[in-house]
PDB file of N, CA and C in Angstrom:
ATOM      1  N   MET A   1     135.470  92.870 122.176  1.00  0.00           N
ATOM      2  CA  MET A   1     134.194  92.161 121.872  1.00  0.00           C
ATOM      3  C   MET A   1     132.527  92.598 122.436  1.00  0.00           C
ATOM      4  N   THR A   2     131.542  91.771 120.730  1.00  0.00           N
ATOM      5  CA  THR A   2     130.470  92.513 120.701  1.00  0.00           C
ATOM      6  C   THR A   2     129.135  92.037 122.027  1.00  0.00           C
ATOM      7  N   ARG A   3     128.548  92.436 122.713  1.00  0.00           N
ATOM      8  CA  ARG A   3     127.136  92.008 123.806  1.00  0.00           C
ATOM      9  C   ARG A   3     126.298  91.373 123.096  1.00  0.00           C
ATOM     10  N   PRO A   4     126.174  90.512 123.495  1.00  0.00           N
ATOM     11  CA  PRO A   4     124.875  89.599 122.589  1.00  0.00           C
ATOM     12  C   PRO A   4     123.544  90.270 123.147  1.00  0.00           C
ATOM     13  N   ILE A   5     122.688  90.786 121.785  1.00  0.00           N
ATOM     14  CA  ILE A   5     121.527  92.019 122.647  1.00  0.00           C
ATOM     15  C   ILE A   5     120.361  90.504 122.931  1.00  0.00           C
ATOM     16  N   SER A   6     120.391  91.457 124.067  1.00  0.00           N
ATOM     17  CA  SER A   6     118.979  90.789 125.096  1.00  0.00           C
ATOM     18  C   SER A   6     118.037  91.882 124.813  1.00  0.00           C
ATOM     19  N   ILE A   7     116.760  91.505 124.271  1.00  0.00           N
ATOM     20  CA  ILE A   7     115.475  92.241 124.648  1.00  0.00           C
ATOM     21  C   ILE A   7     114.350  91.873 125.992  1.00  0.00           C
ATOM     22  N   ASN A   8     114.241  92.460 126.815  1.00  0.00           N
ATOM     23  CA  ASN A   8     113.180  91.947 127.724  1.00  0.00           C
ATOM     24  C   ASN A   8     111.810  92.118 127.662  1.00  0.00           C
ATOM     25  N   ALA A   9     111.245  91.684 128.083  1.00  0.00           N
ATOM     26  CA  ALA A   9     109.721  92.107 128.315  1.00  0.00           C
ATOM     27  C   ALA A   9     108.712  93.190 128.221  1.00  0.00           C
ATOM     28  N   THR A  10     109.711  94.581 128.902  1.00  0.00           N
ATOM     29  CA  THR A  10     109.484  95.797 128.848  1.00  0.00           C
ATOM     30  C   THR A  10     109.384  96.496 127.553  1.00  0.00           C
ATOM     31  N   THR A  11     110.709  96.440 126.609  1.00  0.00           N
ATOM     32  CA  THR A  11     110.681  96.405 125.329  1.00  0.00           C
ATOM     33  C   THR A  11     110.158  95.845 123.971  1.00  0.00           C
ATOM     34  N   ILE A  12     109.904  94.379 124.879  1.00  0.00           N
ATOM     35  CA  ILE A  12     108.896  94.285 123.680  1.00  0.00           C
ATOM     36  C   ILE A  12     106.995  94.782 124.132  1.00  0.00           C
ATOM     37  N   ALA A  13     106.510  94.964 125.016  1.00  0.00           N
ATOM     38  CA  ALA A  13     105.455  96.004 125.537  1.00  0.00           C
ATOM     39  C   ALA A  13     105.755  96.862 124.348  1.00  0.00           C
ATOM     40  N   GLY A  14     106.440  97.750 124.664  1.00  0.00           N
ATOM     41  CA  GLY A  14     107.053  99.412 123.779  1.00  0.00           C
ATOM     42  C   GLY A  14     106.578  98.760 122.333  1.00  0.00           C
ATOM     43  N   ILE A  15     107.182  97.687 121.986  1.00  0.00           N
ATOM     44  CA  ILE A  15     107.027  97.716 120.603  1.00  0.00           C
ATOM     45  C   ILE A  15     105.706  97.474 120.030  1.00  0.00           C
ATOM     46  N   ILE A  16     104.974  96.941 120.762  1.00  0.00           N
ATOM     47  CA  ILE A  16     103.806  96.144 120.694  1.00  0.00           C
ATOM     48  C   ILE A  16     102.582  97.102 120.457  1.00  0.00           C
ATOM     49  N   LEU A  17     102.948  97.563 121.291  1.00  0.00           N
ATOM     50  CA  LEU A  17     102.751  99.217 121.383  1.00  0.00           C
ATOM     51  C   LEU A  17     102.306 100.038 120.734  1.00  0.00           C
ATOM     52  N   VAL A  18     103.658 100.813 119.855  1.00  0.00           N
ATOM     53  CA  VAL A  18     104.105 101.128 119.010  1.00  0.00           C
ATOM     54  C   VAL A  18     103.223 100.618 117.463  1.00  0.00           C
ATOM     55  N   VAL A  19     102.973  99.722 117.612  1.00  0.00           N
ATOM     56  CA  VAL A  19     103.034  99.021 116.149  1.00  0.00           C
ATOM     57  C   VAL A  19     101.780  98.724 116.316  1.00  0.00           C
ATOM     58  N   ILE A  20     100.486  99.149 117.312  1.00  0.00           N
ATOM     59  CA  ILE A  20      99.206  98.866 117.477  1.00  0.00           C
ATOM     60  C   ILE A  20      99.016 100.391 117.556  1.00  0.00           C
ATOM     61  N   ALA A  21      99.505 101.502 118.110  1.00  0.00           N
ATOM     62  CA  ALA A  21      99.678 103.141 117.989  1.00  0.00           C
ATOM     63  C   ALA A  21      99.793 103.418 116.688  1.00  0.00           C
ATOM     64  N   ALA A  22     100.240 103.051 115.313  1.00  0.00           N
ATOM     65  CA  ALA A  22     100.342 102.751 114.209  1.00  0.00           C
ATOM     66  C   ALA A  22      99.197 102.683 113.236  1.00  0.00           C
ATOM     67  N   ILE A  23      99.105 101.674 113.721  1.00  0.00           N
ATOM     68  CA  ILE A  23      97.445 100.827 112.916  1.00  0.00           C
ATOM     69  C   ILE A  23      96.216 101.731 113.198  1.00  0.00           C
ATOM     70  N   ALA A  24      96.305 101.881 114.847  1.00  0.00           N
ATOM     71  CA  ALA A  24      94.889 102.936 114.851  1.00  0.00           C
ATOM     72  C   ALA A  24      95.537 104.591 114.711  1.00  0.00           C
ATOM     73  N   LEU A  25      96.172 105.284 114.187  1.00  0.00           N
ATOM     74  CA  LEU A  25      96.585 106.496 113.714  1.00  0.00           C
ATOM     75  C   LEU A  25      96.281 106.086 111.975  1.00  0.00           C
ATOM     76  N   ALA A  26      96.621 105.039 111.500  1.00  0.00           N
ATOM     77  CA  ALA A  26      96.405 104.780 110.057  1.00  0.00           C
ATOM     78  C   ALA A  26      94.705 104.527 109.739  1.00  0.00           C
ATOM     79  N   TYR A  27      94.416 103.607 110.572  1.00  0.00           N
ATOM     80  CA  TYR A  27      92.970 103.412 110.233  1.00  0.00           C
ATOM     81  C   TYR A  27      91.701 104.267 110.543  1.00  0.00           C
ATOM     82  N   GLN A  28      92.366 105.163 111.811  1.00  0.00           N
ATOM     83  CA  GLN A  28      91.369 105.519 112.521  1.00  0.00           C
ATOM     84  C   GLN A  28      89.511 104.931 112.971  1.00  0.00           C
ATOM     85  N   GLY A  29      90.117 104.149 112.695  1.00  0.00           N
ATOM     86  CA  GLY A  29      88.812 103.372 112.929  1.00  0.00           C
ATOM     87  C   GLY A  29      88.581 101.395 112.315  1.00  0.00           C
ATOM     88  N   ILE A  30      87.627 100.617 113.360  1.00  0.00           N
ATOM     89  CA  ILE A  30      87.397  99.168 113.272  1.00  0.00           C
ATOM     90  C   ILE A  30      86.072  98.829 112.267  1.00  0.00           C
ATOM     91  N   THR A  31      86.082  98.355 111.396  1.00  0.00           N
ATOM     92  CA  THR A  31      84.520  98.455 110.606  1.00  0.00           C
ATOM     93  C   THR A  31      84.558  97.009 110.375  1.00  0.00           C
ATOM     94  N   TYR A  32      83.186  96.753 111.069  1.00  0.00           N
ATOM     95  CA  TYR A  32      83.237  95.305 110.737  1.00  0.00           C
ATOM     96  C   TYR A  32      81.505  95.643 110.015  1.00  0.00           C
ATOM     97  N   THR A  33      81.197  94.105 109.204  1.00  0.00           N
ATOM     98  CA  THR A  33      79.775  94.126 108.496  1.00  0.00           C
ATOM     99  C   THR A  33      78.887  92.440 109.882  1.00  0.00           C
ATOM    100  N   THR A  34      77.804  93.372 109.997  1.00  0.00           N
ATOM    101  CA  THR A  34      76.621  92.319 110.267  1.00  0.00           C
ATOM    102  C   THR A  34      75.291  91.963 109.385  1.00  0.00           C
ATOM    103  N   LYS A  35      75.307  90.607 109.648  1.00  0.00           N
ATOM    104  CA  LYS A  35      74.208  90.277 108.735  1.00  0.00           C
ATOM    105  C   LYS A  35      73.146  89.664 109.712  1.00  0.00           C
ATOM    106  N   GLU A  36      71.609  90.390 109.016  1.00  0.00           N
ATOM    107  CA  GLU A  36      70.647  90.083 109.701  1.00  0.00           C
ATOM    108  C   GLU A  36      69.519  90.011 109.177  1.00  0.00           C
ATOM    109  N   LYS A  37      68.120  88.558 109.205  1.00  0.00           N
ATOM    110  CA  LYS A  37      67.507  88.969 108.931  1.00  0.00           C
ATOM    111  C   LYS A  37      66.095  89.872 108.654  1.00  0.00           C
ATOM    112  N   ALA A  38      66.113  90.112 106.903  1.00  0.00           N
ATOM    113  CA  ALA A  38      65.268  91.546 106.911  1.00  0.00           C
ATOM    114  C   ALA A  38      63.236  90.884 106.910  1.00  0.00           C
ATOM    115  N   VAL A  39      63.309  89.612 106.147  1.00  0.00           N
ATOM    116  CA  VAL A  39      62.204  88.949 106.145  1.00  0.00           C
ATOM    117  C   VAL A  39      62.190  87.313 105.682  1.00  0.00           C
ATOM    118  N   ASP A  40      61.520  87.243 106.743  1.00  0.00           N
ATOM    119  CA  ASP A  40      61.225  85.551 106.891  1.00  0.00           C
ATOM    120  C   ASP A  40      60.232  85.393 106.424  1.00  0.00           C
ATOM    121  N   LEU A  41      60.296  84.386 105.653  1.00  0.00           N
ATOM    122  CA  LEU A  41      58.397  84.328 104.562  1.00  0.00           C
ATOM    123  C   LEU A  41      58.396  82.531 104.363  1.00  0.00           C
ATOM    124  N   GLY A  42      58.739  81.664 105.259  1.00  0.00           N
ATOM    125  CA  GLY A  42      59.220  80.798 104.845  1.00  0.00           C
ATOM    126  C   GLY A  42      59.785  80.349 104.274  1.00  0.00           C
ATOM    127  N   PRO A  43      60.044  79.696 102.896  1.00  0.00           N
ATOM    128  CA  PRO A  43      61.207  79.152 101.996  1.00  0.00           C
ATOM    129  C   PRO A  43      61.644  80.702 101.622  1.00  0.00           C
ATOM    130  N   ILE A  44      61.164  81.309 102.047  1.00  0.00           N
ATOM    131  CA  ILE A  44      61.885  83.199 101.545  1.00  0.00           C
ATOM    132  C   ILE A  44      62.313  83.584 102.205  1.00  0.00           C
ATOM    133  N   GLN A  45      64.378  83.708 102.546  1.00  0.00           N
ATOM    134  CA  GLN A  45      64.264  84.593 103.403  1.00  0.00           C
ATOM    135  C   GLN A  45      65.511  86.133 102.751  1.00  0.00           C
ATOM    136  N   ILE A  46      65.102  86.687 103.326  1.00  0.00           N
ATOM    137  CA  ILE A  46      65.845  88.227 102.607  1.00  0.00           C
ATOM    138  C   ILE A  46      66.555  88.673 103.781  1.00  0.00           C
ATOM    139  N   THR A  47      67.919  88.696 103.513  1.00  0.00           N
ATOM    140  CA  THR A  47      69.004  88.918 104.489  1.00  0.00           C
ATOM    141  C   THR A  47      69.790  90.558 104.357  1.00  0.00           C
ATOM    142  N   LYS A  48      70.042  91.168 104.902  1.00  0.00           N
ATOM    143  CA  LYS A  48      70.352  93.138 104.437  1.00  0.00           C
ATOM    144  C   LYS A  48      71.901  92.377 105.161  1.00  0.00           C
ATOM    145  N   GLU A  49      72.939  93.522 105.012  1.00  0.00           N
ATOM    146  CA  GLU A  49      73.938  93.515 104.799  1.00  0.00           C
ATOM    147  C   GLU A  49      74.234  94.757 106.243  1.00  0.00           C
ATOM    148  N   GLU A  50      74.646  95.350 107.073  1.00  0.00           N
ATOM    149  CA  GLU A  50      74.662  96.267 108.197  1.00  0.00           C
ATOM    150  C   GLU A  50      76.297  96.483 107.922  1.00  0.00           C
ATOM    151  N   HIS A  51      76.877  97.855 107.877  1.00  0.00           N
ATOM    152  CA  HIS A  51      78.289  98.336 107.909  1.00  0.00           C
ATOM    153  C   HIS A  51      78.220  98.929 109.433  1.00  0.00           C
ATOM    154  N   HIS A  52      79.408  98.192 109.983  1.00  0.00           N
ATOM    155  CA  HIS A  52      79.011  98.961 111.454  1.00  0.00           C
ATOM    156  C   HIS A  52      80.906  99.484 111.650  1.00  0.00           C
ATOM    157  N   THR A  53      81.070 101.068 112.474  1.00  0.00           N
ATOM    158  CA  THR A  53      82.416 101.343 112.514  1.00  0.00           C
ATOM    159  C   THR A  53      82.704 101.813 113.623  1.00  0.00           C
ATOM    160  N   ILE A  54      83.346 101.337 114.182  1.00  0.00           N
ATOM    161  CA  ILE A  54      83.966 101.841 116.108  1.00  0.00           C
ATOM    162  C   ILE A  54      84.632 102.246 115.616  1.00  0.00           C
ATOM    163  N   PRO A  55      84.509 104.166 115.947  1.00  0.00           N
ATOM    164  CA  PRO A  55      86.030 105.313 115.913  1.00  0.00           C
ATOM    165  C   PRO A  55      86.775 104.908 116.768  1.00  0.00           C
ATOM    166  N   LEU A  56      88.337 105.306 116.310  1.00  0.00           N
ATOM    167  CA  LEU A  56      89.421 105.350 117.553  1.00  0.00           C
ATOM    168  C   LEU A  56      89.792 106.652 117.291  1.00  0.00           C
ATOM    169  N   PRO A  57      89.456 107.496 118.318  1.00  0.00           N
ATOM    170  CA  PRO A  57      89.968 108.494 118.363  1.00  0.00           C
ATOM    171  C   PRO A  57      91.800 108.878 117.481  1.00  0.00           C
ATOM    172  N   PRO A  58      91.810 109.712 117.454  1.00  0.00           N
ATOM    173  CA  PRO A  58      93.455 109.907 117.269  1.00  0.00           C
ATOM    174  C   PRO A  58      94.613 110.695 118.128  1.00  0.00           C
ATOM    175  N   ILE A  59      93.414 110.627 119.409  1.00  0.00           N
ATOM    176  CA  ILE A  59      94.224 110.754 121.024  1.00  0.00           C
ATOM    177  C   ILE A  59      94.835 109.433 121.183  1.00  0.00           C
ATOM    178  N   LEU A  60      93.797 108.828 121.004  1.00  0.00           N
ATOM    179  CA  LEU A  60      94.177 107.679 121.551  1.00  0.00           C
ATOM    180  C   LEU A  60      95.186 106.998 120.917  1.00  0.00           C
ATOM    181  N   GLY A  61      95.477 106.943 119.902  1.00  0.00           N
ATOM    182  CA  GLY A  61      96.594 106.456 118.925  1.00  0.00           C
ATOM    183  C   GLY A  61      98.038 107.134 119.383  1.00  0.00           C
ATOM    184  N   GLY A  62      98.167 108.138 119.497  1.00  0.00           N
ATOM    185  CA  GLY A  62      99.109 109.718 120.517  1.00  0.00           C
ATOM    186  C   GLY A  62      99.354 108.870 121.785  1.00  0.00           C
ATOM    187  N   ILE A  63      98.048 108.429 122.391  1.00  0.00           N
ATOM    188  CA  ILE A  63      98.881 108.228 123.827  1.00  0.00           C
ATOM    189  C   ILE A  63      99.316 107.069 123.958  1.00  0.00           C
ATOM    190  N   ALA A  64      99.141 105.919 123.035  1.00  0.00           N
ATOM    191  CA  ALA A  64      99.822 104.544 122.683  1.00  0.00           C
ATOM    192  C   ALA A  64     101.300 104.533 121.883  1.00  0.00           C
ATOM    193  N   LEU A  65     101.495 105.324 121.866  1.00  0.00           N
ATOM    194  CA  LEU A  65     102.440 105.903 120.718  1.00  0.00           C
ATOM    195  C   LEU A  65     103.669 106.250 121.685  1.00  0.00           C
ATOM    196  N   ILE A  66     103.263 107.154 122.049  1.00  0.00           N
ATOM    197  CA  ILE A  66     103.643 108.194 123.328  1.00  0.00           C
ATOM    198  C   ILE A  66     104.272 106.971 124.736  1.00  0.00           C
ATOM    199  N   GLY A  67     103.355 106.086 124.606  1.00  0.00           N
ATOM    200  CA  GLY A  67     103.403 105.223 126.010  1.00  0.00           C
ATOM    201  C   GLY A  67     104.787 103.913 125.287  1.00  0.00           C
ATOM    202  N   GLY A  68     104.133 103.792 124.404  1.00  0.00           N
ATOM    203  CA  GLY A  68     105.408 102.829 123.760  1.00  0.00           C
ATOM    204  C   GLY A  68     106.770 103.149 123.349  1.00  0.00           C
ATOM    205  N   ILE A  69     106.593 104.197 123.143  1.00  0.00           N
ATOM    206  CA  ILE A  69     107.782 105.152 123.173  1.00  0.00           C
ATOM    207  C   ILE A  69     108.463 105.027 124.836  1.00  0.00           C
ATOM    208  N   ILE A  70     107.924 105.767 125.237  1.00  0.00           N
ATOM    209  CA  ILE A  70     108.439 105.378 127.656  1.00  0.00           C
ATOM    210  C   ILE A  70     108.807 104.097 127.523  1.00  0.00           C
ATOM    211  N   LEU A  71     107.672 103.149 126.927  1.00  0.00           N
ATOM    212  CA  LEU A  71     108.470 101.478 127.574  1.00  0.00           C
ATOM    213  C   LEU A  71     109.479 100.765 126.817  1.00  0.00           C
ATOM    214  N   ILE A  72     109.893 101.972 125.668  1.00  0.00           N
ATOM    215  CA  ILE A  72     111.289 100.884 124.720  1.00  0.00           C
ATOM    216  C   ILE A  72     112.115 101.892 125.201  1.00  0.00           C
ATOM    217  N   VAL A  73     112.346 102.683 125.838  1.00  0.00           N
ATOM    218  CA  VAL A  73     113.430 103.192 126.022  1.00  0.00           C
ATOM    219  C   VAL A  73     113.601 103.222 127.905  1.00  0.00           C
ATOM    220  N   VAL A  74     112.372 102.929 128.553  1.00  0.00           N
ATOM    221  CA  VAL A  74     112.846 101.938 129.839  1.00  0.00           C
ATOM    222  C   VAL A  74     113.183 100.591 129.764  1.00  0.00           C
ATOM    223  N   GLY A  75     112.843  99.997 128.639  1.00  0.00           N
ATOM    224  CA  GLY A  75     113.204  98.516 128.900  1.00  0.00           C
ATOM    225  C   GLY A  75     114.760  98.816 128.260  1.00  0.00           C
ATOM    226  N   GLY A  76     115.296  99.454 127.528  1.00  0.00           N
ATOM    227  CA  GLY A  76     116.728  99.565 127.078  1.00  0.00           C
ATOM    228  C   GLY A  76     117.628 100.446 128.195  1.00  0.00           C
ATOM    229  N   LYS A  77     117.174 101.312 129.202  1.00  0.00           N
ATOM    230  CA  LYS A  77     117.729 101.000 130.261  1.00  0.00           C
ATOM    231  C   LYS A  77     117.701  99.653 131.591  1.00  0.00           C
ATOM    232  N   ARG A  78     116.454  99.504 131.175  1.00  0.00           N
ATOM    233  CA  ARG A  78     116.940  97.686 131.982  1.00  0.00           C
ATOM    234  C   ARG A  78     117.629  97.088 131.607  1.00  0.00           C
ATOM    235  N   GLY A  79     117.454  97.333 130.265  1.00  0.00           N
ATOM    236  CA  GLY A  79     118.925  96.457 129.528  1.00  0.00           C
ATOM    237  C   GLY A  79     120.143  96.252 129.862  1.00  0.00           C
ATOM    238  N   ASP A  80     120.717  97.962 130.232  1.00  0.00           N
ATOM    239  CA  ASP A  80     122.197  98.267 130.169  1.00  0.00           C
ATOM    240  C   ASP A  80     122.829  97.362 131.393  1.00  0.00           C
TER     241      ASP A  80
END
């Protein structure tokens, strides 16, 4: 007879960590845009957009990937 599949919290956390690691390795940074006023002369306003990037080093993605795999393995052994 087949056993129902049960996934515990450790396995779910591991899967989420692996997904986050894959995204971090693929994009290698978070980019966002801000707008700020450059000139404000009464009814005339000029705004400029600035692009900012928060770099994510590949080592961070690698550590998250290894941690996620460890959590999946540990969670799978506990579920047995």
